[in-house]
N, C-alpha and C. Protein backbone atom coordinates (compact mmCIF):
# COMPACT_ATOMS: atom_id res chain seq x y z
N MET A 1 4.49 15.15 3.97
CA MET A 1 5.46 15.28 2.88
C MET A 1 5.00 16.39 1.95
N SER A 2 5.88 17.40 1.70
CA SER A 2 5.52 18.50 0.83
C SER A 2 5.50 18.04 -0.62
N VAL A 3 4.80 18.81 -1.47
CA VAL A 3 4.73 18.47 -2.89
C VAL A 3 6.10 18.68 -3.51
N LEU A 4 6.55 17.70 -4.27
CA LEU A 4 7.87 17.79 -4.89
C LEU A 4 7.79 18.56 -6.20
N THR A 5 8.79 19.41 -6.42
CA THR A 5 8.86 20.18 -7.67
C THR A 5 10.31 20.26 -8.11
N GLY A 6 10.53 20.75 -9.32
CA GLY A 6 11.87 21.04 -9.81
C GLY A 6 12.81 19.86 -9.78
N GLY A 7 14.04 20.14 -9.30
CA GLY A 7 15.08 19.12 -9.27
C GLY A 7 14.72 17.94 -8.38
N LYS A 8 14.07 18.19 -7.25
CA LYS A 8 13.67 17.09 -6.36
C LYS A 8 12.76 16.11 -7.08
N LEU A 9 11.76 16.64 -7.77
CA LEU A 9 10.81 15.79 -8.48
C LEU A 9 11.52 15.01 -9.59
N LYS A 10 12.42 15.66 -10.31
CA LYS A 10 13.14 14.99 -11.39
C LYS A 10 13.97 13.83 -10.86
N LEU A 11 14.62 14.02 -9.72
CA LEU A 11 15.45 12.96 -9.14
C LEU A 11 14.59 11.79 -8.65
N VAL A 12 13.46 12.09 -8.02
CA VAL A 12 12.57 11.04 -7.54
C VAL A 12 12.02 10.23 -8.72
N GLN A 13 11.57 10.92 -9.74
CA GLN A 13 11.03 10.21 -10.91
C GLN A 13 12.11 9.42 -11.63
N ALA A 14 13.34 9.93 -11.64
CA ALA A 14 14.45 9.20 -12.24
C ALA A 14 14.72 7.92 -11.47
N ALA A 15 14.65 7.98 -10.14
CA ALA A 15 14.87 6.79 -9.31
C ALA A 15 13.84 5.72 -9.63
N LEU A 16 12.58 6.11 -9.83
CA LEU A 16 11.53 5.14 -10.12
C LEU A 16 11.70 4.51 -11.50
N ARG A 17 12.39 5.20 -12.39
CA ARG A 17 12.70 4.59 -13.69
C ARG A 17 13.88 3.63 -13.58
N LEU A 18 14.81 3.91 -12.68
CA LEU A 18 16.03 3.11 -12.57
C LEU A 18 15.91 1.94 -11.59
N ILE A 19 15.00 2.05 -10.62
CA ILE A 19 14.98 1.11 -9.50
C ILE A 19 14.84 -0.35 -9.90
N PRO A 20 14.11 -0.73 -10.97
CA PRO A 20 14.03 -2.16 -11.30
C PRO A 20 15.39 -2.79 -11.58
N GLN A 21 16.40 -1.96 -11.93
CA GLN A 21 17.72 -2.48 -12.25
C GLN A 21 18.64 -2.48 -11.03
N SER A 22 18.14 -1.99 -9.89
CA SER A 22 18.99 -1.83 -8.71
C SER A 22 18.48 -2.67 -7.56
N ARG A 23 19.32 -2.84 -6.52
CA ARG A 23 18.93 -3.64 -5.37
C ARG A 23 18.05 -2.86 -4.40
N SER A 24 18.32 -1.57 -4.25
CA SER A 24 17.54 -0.76 -3.32
C SER A 24 17.77 0.71 -3.65
N LEU A 25 16.99 1.57 -3.03
CA LEU A 25 17.15 3.00 -3.26
C LEU A 25 18.54 3.48 -2.88
N THR A 26 19.03 2.97 -1.75
CA THR A 26 20.33 3.45 -1.25
C THR A 26 21.51 2.92 -2.05
N SER A 27 21.27 2.02 -2.99
CA SER A 27 22.35 1.52 -3.82
C SER A 27 22.44 2.23 -5.17
N LEU A 28 21.54 3.17 -5.41
CA LEU A 28 21.58 3.91 -6.66
C LEU A 28 22.85 4.77 -6.71
N GLY A 29 23.49 4.80 -7.87
CA GLY A 29 24.65 5.66 -8.06
C GLY A 29 24.22 7.08 -8.34
N LEU A 30 24.82 8.03 -7.67
CA LEU A 30 24.40 9.43 -7.81
C LEU A 30 24.62 9.94 -9.24
N ARG A 31 25.70 9.54 -9.86
CA ARG A 31 25.94 10.00 -11.24
C ARG A 31 24.89 9.44 -12.20
N GLU A 32 24.60 8.17 -12.04
CA GLU A 32 23.58 7.55 -12.90
C GLU A 32 22.22 8.20 -12.65
N LEU A 33 21.91 8.44 -11.39
CA LEU A 33 20.64 9.06 -11.02
C LEU A 33 20.52 10.46 -11.61
N ALA A 34 21.59 11.25 -11.45
CA ALA A 34 21.58 12.62 -11.97
C ALA A 34 21.49 12.62 -13.49
N ARG A 35 22.21 11.70 -14.13
CA ARG A 35 22.17 11.63 -15.59
C ARG A 35 20.76 11.30 -16.08
N GLU A 36 20.09 10.35 -15.40
CA GLU A 36 18.72 9.98 -15.77
C GLU A 36 17.77 11.15 -15.57
N ALA A 37 18.05 11.98 -14.56
CA ALA A 37 17.19 13.14 -14.26
C ALA A 37 17.54 14.35 -15.12
N GLY A 38 18.66 14.28 -15.86
CA GLY A 38 19.08 15.40 -16.68
C GLY A 38 19.68 16.53 -15.87
N LEU A 39 20.33 16.17 -14.74
CA LEU A 39 20.90 17.17 -13.84
C LEU A 39 22.39 16.92 -13.64
N ASN A 40 23.07 17.95 -13.16
CA ASN A 40 24.47 17.80 -12.77
C ASN A 40 24.56 16.97 -11.49
N PRO A 41 25.47 16.00 -11.41
CA PRO A 41 25.57 15.17 -10.20
C PRO A 41 25.72 15.98 -8.91
N ASN A 42 26.36 17.13 -8.99
CA ASN A 42 26.58 17.95 -7.79
C ASN A 42 25.30 18.53 -7.22
N THR A 43 24.22 18.54 -8.04
CA THR A 43 22.98 19.16 -7.56
C THR A 43 22.22 18.26 -6.59
N PHE A 44 22.59 16.97 -6.52
CA PHE A 44 21.85 16.06 -5.62
C PHE A 44 21.85 16.60 -4.19
N TYR A 45 23.01 17.01 -3.71
CA TYR A 45 23.11 17.42 -2.32
C TYR A 45 22.58 18.83 -2.08
N ARG A 46 22.16 19.50 -3.12
CA ARG A 46 21.43 20.75 -2.94
C ARG A 46 19.98 20.46 -2.55
N HIS A 47 19.51 19.29 -2.93
CA HIS A 47 18.11 18.93 -2.67
C HIS A 47 17.95 17.97 -1.49
N PHE A 48 18.93 17.08 -1.26
CA PHE A 48 18.81 16.06 -0.21
C PHE A 48 20.11 15.97 0.57
N ARG A 49 20.00 15.78 1.88
CA ARG A 49 21.19 15.67 2.73
C ARG A 49 21.94 14.37 2.47
N ASN A 50 21.19 13.29 2.21
CA ASN A 50 21.81 11.98 2.00
C ASN A 50 20.82 11.07 1.29
N LEU A 51 21.24 9.82 1.04
CA LEU A 51 20.37 8.89 0.32
C LEU A 51 19.15 8.47 1.14
N ASP A 52 19.29 8.45 2.46
CA ASP A 52 18.12 8.11 3.28
C ASP A 52 17.03 9.17 3.14
N GLU A 53 17.43 10.43 3.19
CA GLU A 53 16.43 11.49 3.02
C GLU A 53 15.81 11.42 1.62
N PHE A 54 16.63 11.12 0.64
CA PHE A 54 16.12 10.95 -0.73
C PHE A 54 15.11 9.81 -0.77
N GLY A 55 15.47 8.68 -0.14
CA GLY A 55 14.57 7.53 -0.11
C GLY A 55 13.25 7.84 0.54
N LEU A 56 13.28 8.63 1.62
CA LEU A 56 12.04 9.03 2.30
C LEU A 56 11.14 9.81 1.35
N ASN A 57 11.73 10.65 0.54
CA ASN A 57 10.94 11.43 -0.42
C ASN A 57 10.36 10.54 -1.51
N VAL A 58 11.11 9.52 -1.94
CA VAL A 58 10.59 8.59 -2.94
C VAL A 58 9.39 7.83 -2.37
N LEU A 59 9.52 7.31 -1.14
CA LEU A 59 8.43 6.58 -0.50
C LEU A 59 7.21 7.48 -0.31
N GLY A 60 7.45 8.71 0.12
CA GLY A 60 6.34 9.65 0.31
C GLY A 60 5.63 9.97 -0.99
N TYR A 61 6.39 10.10 -2.06
CA TYR A 61 5.82 10.38 -3.38
C TYR A 61 4.90 9.25 -3.82
N ILE A 62 5.36 8.02 -3.64
CA ILE A 62 4.54 6.85 -4.01
C ILE A 62 3.27 6.80 -3.18
N ALA A 63 3.41 6.98 -1.86
CA ALA A 63 2.26 6.86 -0.95
C ALA A 63 1.20 7.90 -1.26
N GLU A 64 1.61 9.16 -1.42
CA GLU A 64 0.63 10.22 -1.65
C GLU A 64 -0.04 10.07 -2.99
N ASP A 65 0.70 9.53 -3.96
CA ASP A 65 0.14 9.37 -5.31
C ASP A 65 -0.98 8.35 -5.33
N MET A 66 -0.94 7.39 -4.40
CA MET A 66 -1.90 6.29 -4.42
C MET A 66 -3.01 6.44 -3.39
N LYS A 67 -2.68 6.97 -2.19
CA LYS A 67 -3.65 6.91 -1.09
C LYS A 67 -4.91 7.73 -1.33
N ALA A 68 -4.78 8.86 -2.00
CA ALA A 68 -5.96 9.71 -2.22
C ALA A 68 -7.03 8.97 -3.00
N GLY A 69 -6.62 8.26 -4.05
CA GLY A 69 -7.58 7.51 -4.85
C GLY A 69 -8.24 6.39 -4.08
N VAL A 70 -7.45 5.69 -3.25
CA VAL A 70 -7.99 4.59 -2.45
C VAL A 70 -9.01 5.09 -1.45
N ARG A 71 -8.71 6.19 -0.78
CA ARG A 71 -9.64 6.71 0.24
C ARG A 71 -10.96 7.15 -0.38
N GLU A 72 -10.89 7.75 -1.55
CA GLU A 72 -12.12 8.21 -2.20
C GLU A 72 -13.01 7.01 -2.54
N LEU A 73 -12.43 5.91 -2.98
CA LEU A 73 -13.22 4.72 -3.29
C LEU A 73 -13.90 4.17 -2.04
N ARG A 74 -13.16 4.08 -0.93
CA ARG A 74 -13.75 3.54 0.30
C ARG A 74 -14.84 4.46 0.83
N ARG A 75 -14.69 5.75 0.65
CA ARG A 75 -15.66 6.69 1.19
C ARG A 75 -16.97 6.69 0.42
N THR A 76 -16.95 6.13 -0.79
CA THR A 76 -18.18 6.08 -1.58
C THR A 76 -18.78 4.68 -1.63
N ALA A 77 -18.12 3.72 -0.98
CA ALA A 77 -18.62 2.34 -0.99
C ALA A 77 -19.80 2.18 -0.05
N ASP A 78 -20.78 1.36 -0.47
CA ASP A 78 -21.96 1.12 0.36
C ASP A 78 -21.83 -0.15 1.21
N THR A 79 -20.93 -1.06 0.82
CA THR A 79 -20.74 -2.30 1.57
C THR A 79 -19.25 -2.59 1.68
N SER A 80 -18.89 -3.46 2.64
CA SER A 80 -17.49 -3.83 2.79
C SER A 80 -17.01 -4.60 1.57
N GLU A 81 -17.91 -5.40 0.95
CA GLU A 81 -17.53 -6.16 -0.24
C GLU A 81 -17.21 -5.22 -1.40
N GLN A 82 -18.03 -4.17 -1.56
CA GLN A 82 -17.76 -3.21 -2.63
C GLN A 82 -16.46 -2.46 -2.35
N ALA A 83 -16.22 -2.10 -1.08
CA ALA A 83 -14.99 -1.42 -0.72
C ALA A 83 -13.77 -2.28 -1.02
N ALA A 84 -13.87 -3.57 -0.69
CA ALA A 84 -12.77 -4.49 -0.96
C ALA A 84 -12.51 -4.59 -2.46
N HIS A 85 -13.58 -4.78 -3.24
CA HIS A 85 -13.43 -4.92 -4.69
C HIS A 85 -12.81 -3.67 -5.30
N ASP A 86 -13.36 -2.50 -4.98
CA ASP A 86 -12.89 -1.25 -5.58
C ASP A 86 -11.45 -0.94 -5.17
N THR A 87 -11.13 -1.16 -3.88
CA THR A 87 -9.79 -0.87 -3.40
C THR A 87 -8.75 -1.78 -4.04
N VAL A 88 -9.03 -3.09 -4.04
CA VAL A 88 -8.09 -4.05 -4.61
C VAL A 88 -7.87 -3.76 -6.10
N SER A 89 -8.95 -3.50 -6.82
CA SER A 89 -8.84 -3.21 -8.24
C SER A 89 -7.99 -1.97 -8.49
N PHE A 90 -8.25 -0.91 -7.72
CA PHE A 90 -7.50 0.34 -7.89
C PHE A 90 -6.02 0.14 -7.60
N VAL A 91 -5.71 -0.49 -6.46
CA VAL A 91 -4.31 -0.65 -6.04
C VAL A 91 -3.53 -1.52 -7.01
N TYR A 92 -4.12 -2.65 -7.43
CA TYR A 92 -3.40 -3.53 -8.36
C TYR A 92 -3.18 -2.85 -9.71
N HIS A 93 -4.16 -2.11 -10.17
CA HIS A 93 -3.97 -1.40 -11.44
C HIS A 93 -2.95 -0.27 -11.30
N TYR A 94 -2.91 0.35 -10.11
CA TYR A 94 -1.90 1.38 -9.88
C TYR A 94 -0.50 0.77 -9.93
N PHE A 95 -0.31 -0.34 -9.23
CA PHE A 95 1.00 -0.98 -9.21
C PHE A 95 1.38 -1.52 -10.59
N LEU A 96 0.38 -1.98 -11.35
CA LEU A 96 0.66 -2.47 -12.70
C LEU A 96 1.16 -1.32 -13.59
N ALA A 97 0.56 -0.15 -13.43
CA ALA A 97 0.98 1.01 -14.20
C ALA A 97 2.29 1.61 -13.68
N ASN A 98 2.60 1.32 -12.39
CA ASN A 98 3.81 1.87 -11.75
C ASN A 98 4.58 0.74 -11.06
N PRO A 99 5.12 -0.22 -11.84
CA PRO A 99 5.76 -1.39 -11.22
C PRO A 99 6.94 -1.03 -10.31
N ALA A 100 7.62 0.07 -10.59
CA ALA A 100 8.74 0.47 -9.74
C ALA A 100 8.26 0.77 -8.32
N ALA A 101 7.04 1.26 -8.18
CA ALA A 101 6.50 1.55 -6.85
C ALA A 101 6.41 0.28 -6.02
N THR A 102 5.99 -0.80 -6.66
CA THR A 102 5.93 -2.09 -5.96
C THR A 102 7.32 -2.57 -5.59
N THR A 103 8.24 -2.48 -6.53
CA THR A 103 9.60 -2.92 -6.29
C THR A 103 10.22 -2.18 -5.12
N VAL A 104 10.05 -0.86 -5.10
CA VAL A 104 10.61 -0.05 -4.02
C VAL A 104 10.01 -0.46 -2.68
N ALA A 105 8.70 -0.57 -2.62
CA ALA A 105 8.03 -0.86 -1.35
C ALA A 105 8.45 -2.21 -0.79
N VAL A 106 8.45 -3.24 -1.63
CA VAL A 106 8.79 -4.59 -1.16
C VAL A 106 10.26 -4.67 -0.76
N ARG A 107 11.13 -4.09 -1.57
CA ARG A 107 12.56 -4.15 -1.26
C ARG A 107 12.90 -3.39 0.01
N GLU A 108 12.37 -2.18 0.13
CA GLU A 108 12.78 -1.35 1.27
C GLU A 108 12.19 -1.83 2.58
N LEU A 109 11.10 -2.60 2.52
CA LEU A 109 10.53 -3.13 3.75
C LEU A 109 11.51 -4.07 4.44
N HIS A 110 12.38 -4.69 3.66
CA HIS A 110 13.41 -5.58 4.21
C HIS A 110 14.79 -5.16 3.71
N GLY A 111 14.94 -3.89 3.38
CA GLY A 111 16.19 -3.41 2.81
C GLY A 111 17.25 -3.07 3.83
N PRO A 112 18.39 -2.55 3.35
CA PRO A 112 19.53 -2.31 4.24
C PRO A 112 19.42 -1.06 5.11
N SER A 113 18.52 -0.16 4.77
CA SER A 113 18.44 1.10 5.51
C SER A 113 17.39 1.03 6.61
N PRO A 114 17.79 1.11 7.89
CA PRO A 114 16.81 1.11 8.97
C PRO A 114 15.88 2.32 8.92
N VAL A 115 16.39 3.44 8.41
CA VAL A 115 15.56 4.64 8.29
C VAL A 115 14.41 4.39 7.33
N LEU A 116 14.71 3.80 6.19
CA LEU A 116 13.67 3.53 5.20
C LEU A 116 12.74 2.40 5.64
N ARG A 117 13.28 1.40 6.34
CA ARG A 117 12.42 0.33 6.86
C ARG A 117 11.39 0.90 7.83
N ARG A 118 11.85 1.74 8.74
CA ARG A 118 10.92 2.35 9.70
C ARG A 118 9.91 3.25 9.00
N ALA A 119 10.38 3.99 8.01
CA ALA A 119 9.48 4.89 7.28
C ALA A 119 8.40 4.12 6.54
N LEU A 120 8.78 3.01 5.92
CA LEU A 120 7.80 2.22 5.18
C LEU A 120 6.82 1.55 6.14
N GLU A 121 7.33 1.05 7.26
CA GLU A 121 6.43 0.48 8.28
C GLU A 121 5.43 1.53 8.74
N ALA A 122 5.91 2.76 8.94
CA ALA A 122 5.02 3.85 9.37
C ALA A 122 3.98 4.16 8.31
N GLN A 123 4.37 4.11 7.04
CA GLN A 123 3.42 4.36 5.96
C GLN A 123 2.37 3.26 5.88
N LEU A 124 2.80 2.01 6.04
CA LEU A 124 1.85 0.91 6.03
C LEU A 124 0.86 1.04 7.18
N ASP A 125 1.38 1.42 8.35
CA ASP A 125 0.50 1.59 9.51
C ASP A 125 -0.45 2.76 9.31
N ALA A 126 0.04 3.83 8.70
CA ALA A 126 -0.83 4.99 8.42
C ALA A 126 -1.93 4.60 7.44
N SER A 127 -1.59 3.79 6.42
CA SER A 127 -2.60 3.32 5.47
C SER A 127 -3.64 2.46 6.18
N ALA A 128 -3.18 1.63 7.12
CA ALA A 128 -4.11 0.80 7.88
C ALA A 128 -5.04 1.66 8.73
N ARG A 129 -4.49 2.70 9.38
CA ARG A 129 -5.33 3.59 10.20
C ARG A 129 -6.37 4.30 9.34
N GLU A 130 -5.97 4.73 8.15
CA GLU A 130 -6.93 5.39 7.26
C GLU A 130 -8.01 4.41 6.82
N MET A 131 -7.63 3.16 6.59
CA MET A 131 -8.61 2.13 6.23
C MET A 131 -9.60 1.94 7.37
N VAL A 132 -9.10 1.91 8.60
CA VAL A 132 -9.97 1.77 9.77
C VAL A 132 -10.94 2.95 9.86
N GLU A 133 -10.42 4.17 9.70
CA GLU A 133 -11.27 5.36 9.77
C GLU A 133 -12.39 5.31 8.73
N ASP A 134 -12.03 4.94 7.52
CA ASP A 134 -13.03 4.90 6.45
C ASP A 134 -14.08 3.81 6.70
N ILE A 135 -13.64 2.66 7.19
CA ILE A 135 -14.57 1.56 7.47
C ILE A 135 -15.53 1.94 8.58
N ILE A 136 -15.01 2.57 9.63
CA ILE A 136 -15.86 2.96 10.76
C ILE A 136 -16.79 4.11 10.37
N ASP A 137 -16.25 5.11 9.67
CA ASP A 137 -17.08 6.25 9.26
C ASP A 137 -18.24 5.82 8.37
N ARG A 138 -17.99 4.84 7.50
CA ARG A 138 -19.02 4.37 6.59
C ARG A 138 -19.84 3.23 7.18
N ASP A 139 -19.47 2.80 8.39
CA ASP A 139 -20.17 1.70 9.07
C ASP A 139 -20.24 0.47 8.17
N LEU A 140 -19.09 0.13 7.56
CA LEU A 140 -19.05 -0.96 6.60
C LEU A 140 -18.96 -2.34 7.25
N VAL A 141 -18.50 -2.38 8.50
CA VAL A 141 -18.39 -3.65 9.22
C VAL A 141 -19.12 -3.51 10.55
N LYS A 142 -20.16 -4.29 10.73
CA LYS A 142 -21.01 -4.16 11.91
C LYS A 142 -20.42 -4.88 13.12
N ALA A 143 -20.49 -4.24 14.26
CA ALA A 143 -20.22 -4.86 15.56
C ALA A 143 -18.83 -5.47 15.69
N VAL A 144 -17.84 -4.88 15.02
CA VAL A 144 -16.45 -5.35 15.16
C VAL A 144 -15.65 -4.24 15.83
N ALA A 145 -14.89 -4.61 16.85
CA ALA A 145 -14.14 -3.63 17.62
C ALA A 145 -13.09 -2.93 16.76
N PRO A 146 -12.84 -1.63 17.00
CA PRO A 146 -11.83 -0.89 16.22
C PRO A 146 -10.46 -1.55 16.23
N ASP A 147 -10.05 -2.13 17.36
CA ASP A 147 -8.74 -2.79 17.41
C ASP A 147 -8.68 -3.97 16.44
N THR A 148 -9.78 -4.69 16.33
CA THR A 148 -9.83 -5.83 15.40
C THR A 148 -9.82 -5.34 13.96
N ILE A 149 -10.55 -4.26 13.70
CA ILE A 149 -10.56 -3.69 12.35
C ILE A 149 -9.15 -3.25 11.96
N HIS A 150 -8.43 -2.65 12.92
CA HIS A 150 -7.06 -2.22 12.63
C HIS A 150 -6.16 -3.41 12.36
N GLU A 151 -6.30 -4.46 13.14
CA GLU A 151 -5.47 -5.66 12.94
C GLU A 151 -5.70 -6.24 11.55
N ILE A 152 -6.96 -6.34 11.15
CA ILE A 152 -7.28 -6.89 9.83
C ILE A 152 -6.79 -5.95 8.74
N SER A 153 -6.96 -4.66 8.95
CA SER A 153 -6.53 -3.67 7.95
C SER A 153 -5.03 -3.73 7.74
N HIS A 154 -4.27 -3.86 8.83
CA HIS A 154 -2.81 -3.93 8.71
C HIS A 154 -2.39 -5.18 7.95
N MET A 155 -3.03 -6.32 8.23
CA MET A 155 -2.74 -7.55 7.48
C MET A 155 -3.10 -7.37 6.00
N THR A 156 -4.21 -6.71 5.75
CA THR A 156 -4.68 -6.51 4.38
C THR A 156 -3.70 -5.69 3.57
N ILE A 157 -3.20 -4.59 4.15
CA ILE A 157 -2.26 -3.73 3.44
C ILE A 157 -1.01 -4.52 3.04
N ARG A 158 -0.47 -5.30 3.96
CA ARG A 158 0.72 -6.10 3.67
C ARG A 158 0.41 -7.19 2.63
N TYR A 159 -0.73 -7.84 2.77
CA TYR A 159 -1.10 -8.90 1.83
C TYR A 159 -1.17 -8.34 0.41
N ILE A 160 -1.83 -7.21 0.24
CA ILE A 160 -1.97 -6.61 -1.08
C ILE A 160 -0.60 -6.23 -1.64
N LEU A 161 0.26 -5.67 -0.79
CA LEU A 161 1.59 -5.26 -1.25
C LEU A 161 2.36 -6.43 -1.84
N PHE A 162 2.37 -7.57 -1.14
CA PHE A 162 3.15 -8.69 -1.62
C PHE A 162 2.47 -9.41 -2.78
N ARG A 163 1.15 -9.46 -2.80
CA ARG A 163 0.47 -10.08 -3.95
C ARG A 163 0.59 -9.21 -5.19
N ALA A 164 0.88 -7.93 -5.02
CA ALA A 164 1.06 -7.04 -6.17
C ALA A 164 2.21 -7.49 -7.05
N MET A 165 3.26 -8.06 -6.44
CA MET A 165 4.37 -8.58 -7.23
C MET A 165 3.90 -9.71 -8.14
N ASP A 166 3.07 -10.60 -7.60
CA ASP A 166 2.50 -11.69 -8.42
C ASP A 166 1.61 -11.12 -9.51
N TYR A 167 0.82 -10.11 -9.16
CA TYR A 167 -0.10 -9.51 -10.11
C TYR A 167 0.66 -8.93 -11.32
N ILE A 168 1.78 -8.30 -11.05
CA ILE A 168 2.59 -7.71 -12.12
C ILE A 168 3.26 -8.79 -12.97
N ASP A 169 3.83 -9.80 -12.31
CA ASP A 169 4.66 -10.80 -12.98
C ASP A 169 3.88 -11.91 -13.66
N GLN A 170 2.59 -12.07 -13.32
CA GLN A 170 1.81 -13.19 -13.84
C GLN A 170 0.53 -12.69 -14.53
N PRO A 171 0.65 -12.17 -15.74
CA PRO A 171 -0.51 -11.59 -16.43
C PRO A 171 -1.70 -12.54 -16.54
N ALA A 172 -1.43 -13.82 -16.78
CA ALA A 172 -2.53 -14.78 -16.97
C ALA A 172 -3.28 -15.05 -15.67
N GLN A 173 -2.68 -14.71 -14.53
CA GLN A 173 -3.29 -15.01 -13.23
C GLN A 173 -3.89 -13.78 -12.55
N ARG A 174 -3.92 -12.64 -13.23
CA ARG A 174 -4.33 -11.40 -12.56
C ARG A 174 -5.77 -11.44 -12.05
N GLU A 175 -6.68 -11.97 -12.85
CA GLU A 175 -8.07 -12.04 -12.39
C GLU A 175 -8.18 -12.94 -11.16
N ARG A 176 -7.47 -14.07 -11.18
CA ARG A 176 -7.51 -14.99 -10.04
C ARG A 176 -6.90 -14.33 -8.79
N ILE A 177 -5.80 -13.61 -8.96
CA ILE A 177 -5.15 -12.95 -7.82
C ILE A 177 -6.07 -11.89 -7.21
N GLN A 178 -6.76 -11.15 -8.07
CA GLN A 178 -7.68 -10.13 -7.55
C GLN A 178 -8.83 -10.78 -6.79
N ILE A 179 -9.40 -11.84 -7.33
CA ILE A 179 -10.50 -12.54 -6.66
C ILE A 179 -10.03 -13.11 -5.32
N GLU A 180 -8.85 -13.73 -5.30
CA GLU A 180 -8.32 -14.29 -4.06
C GLU A 180 -8.08 -13.21 -3.02
N THR A 181 -7.61 -12.06 -3.46
CA THR A 181 -7.36 -10.96 -2.52
C THR A 181 -8.65 -10.45 -1.91
N GLU A 182 -9.66 -10.26 -2.74
CA GLU A 182 -10.96 -9.81 -2.23
C GLU A 182 -11.54 -10.84 -1.27
N ARG A 183 -11.39 -12.13 -1.62
CA ARG A 183 -11.90 -13.20 -0.76
C ARG A 183 -11.18 -13.20 0.59
N PHE A 184 -9.87 -12.98 0.57
CA PHE A 184 -9.08 -12.92 1.80
C PHE A 184 -9.61 -11.81 2.72
N ILE A 185 -9.82 -10.62 2.15
CA ILE A 185 -10.29 -9.48 2.95
C ILE A 185 -11.68 -9.75 3.51
N ASN A 186 -12.58 -10.20 2.65
CA ASN A 186 -13.96 -10.43 3.09
C ASN A 186 -14.04 -11.53 4.15
N ARG A 187 -13.24 -12.58 4.00
CA ARG A 187 -13.26 -13.65 5.00
C ARG A 187 -12.75 -13.15 6.35
N GLN A 188 -11.74 -12.30 6.34
CA GLN A 188 -11.22 -11.76 7.59
C GLN A 188 -12.30 -10.98 8.34
N PHE A 189 -13.00 -10.13 7.63
CA PHE A 189 -14.02 -9.31 8.28
C PHE A 189 -15.25 -10.13 8.66
N ARG A 190 -15.63 -11.07 7.83
CA ARG A 190 -16.77 -11.92 8.19
C ARG A 190 -16.45 -12.75 9.43
N GLY A 191 -15.23 -13.28 9.49
CA GLY A 191 -14.83 -14.04 10.66
C GLY A 191 -14.85 -13.18 11.91
N ALA A 192 -14.40 -11.93 11.78
CA ALA A 192 -14.42 -11.03 12.93
C ALA A 192 -15.84 -10.72 13.38
N MET A 193 -16.76 -10.61 12.42
CA MET A 193 -18.16 -10.36 12.79
C MET A 193 -18.76 -11.56 13.52
N VAL A 194 -18.41 -12.76 13.08
CA VAL A 194 -18.90 -13.96 13.77
C VAL A 194 -18.32 -14.02 15.18
N ASP A 195 -17.04 -13.70 15.33
CA ASP A 195 -16.39 -13.73 16.64
C ASP A 195 -17.04 -12.75 17.61
N SER A 196 -17.62 -11.68 17.06
CA SER A 196 -18.22 -10.65 17.93
C SER A 196 -19.60 -11.05 18.45
N LEU A 197 -20.18 -12.12 17.89
CA LEU A 197 -21.51 -12.55 18.31
C LEU A 197 -21.44 -13.28 19.65
N SER A 198 -22.47 -13.13 20.43
CA SER A 198 -22.57 -13.89 21.67
C SER A 198 -22.84 -15.35 21.32
N PRO A 199 -22.48 -16.29 22.21
CA PRO A 199 -22.76 -17.71 21.93
C PRO A 199 -24.23 -17.97 21.65
N GLU A 200 -25.09 -17.25 22.34
CA GLU A 200 -26.53 -17.45 22.14
C GLU A 200 -26.95 -17.02 20.74
N ARG A 201 -26.47 -15.85 20.33
CA ARG A 201 -26.84 -15.33 19.01
C ARG A 201 -26.25 -16.22 17.91
N LEU A 202 -25.02 -16.70 18.10
CA LEU A 202 -24.41 -17.57 17.11
C LEU A 202 -25.19 -18.88 16.99
N ALA A 203 -25.64 -19.42 18.13
CA ALA A 203 -26.42 -20.65 18.11
C ALA A 203 -27.74 -20.44 17.36
N GLN A 204 -28.36 -19.26 17.54
CA GLN A 204 -29.59 -18.95 16.84
C GLN A 204 -29.39 -18.91 15.33
N LEU A 205 -28.28 -18.29 14.92
CA LEU A 205 -28.01 -18.19 13.48
C LEU A 205 -27.73 -19.56 12.88
N VAL A 206 -26.98 -20.40 13.60
CA VAL A 206 -26.69 -21.73 13.11
C VAL A 206 -27.98 -22.53 12.97
N ALA A 207 -28.84 -22.41 14.00
CA ALA A 207 -30.11 -23.15 14.00
C ALA A 207 -31.01 -22.70 12.86
N SER A 208 -31.00 -21.40 12.58
CA SER A 208 -31.87 -20.87 11.52
C SER A 208 -31.42 -21.29 10.12
N ASN A 209 -30.15 -21.65 9.99
CA ASN A 209 -29.61 -22.06 8.70
C ASN A 209 -29.65 -23.57 8.49
N ASN A 210 -30.13 -24.30 9.49
CA ASN A 210 -30.23 -25.77 9.39
C ASN A 210 -31.66 -26.20 9.04
C-alpha cells in the first residue's frame, strides 16, 4: 500500500472520524464523507474507483500505522513473555487512541463487502506471518514447529482484535483484560512447547518437579 497524501489521505482520515456512527465503510455517504474531509463530493472518484477500493485504502492505512511499532517491540524482546507484554500493551493503547480502527476491523471482518472481508483476512494472516518471523528470528519459543507458531500467532491476532473492543468499552477492566490476554498468549506457547517434548523428556520433567 502506497503512502497516502492529499485528497486520499483526507478522505481516509474523515472515514475514521465518521465510522463509529456508521454500520460499515461501504455504508458511508459520499457527500457526508467529502464534507468531513473538506472536499467537493465529486472529487471522491478522482481518488478511488469505488467504495471497495476506498475501504482497502482505509484498512491499509490502519495496518501500516500499527504494524511497524509492533514489529520493533518484538525484535527487541529477549523472551516470549516480554514480547507478549510489550505487544499487547502497544496494540491495546493504539486501539484506545484510535477506537475507529478497532470498529473498522471488527465490522469489516464480518461486513457486507466480500472484497473487504478478504482483504482484512489477508492482513490478519500477514500480521500472523510477521509474528512468526519475529519469534523465530529472535528464537523466543524453543523447539516449536513453525506451523504451530503460525497457528498460535493467527489465533493471537484475532483474540487481541476482539478483546480490544472490551478494552475500549470497559475502562475499569483494562488492566485485567491486558493480563488475561498476555496469559492467553503465554499459555498457548507453553502448551506447544510441552507438546513438542518426547514422552521420556516430559516424564523426566514431571518427576523432577515432584
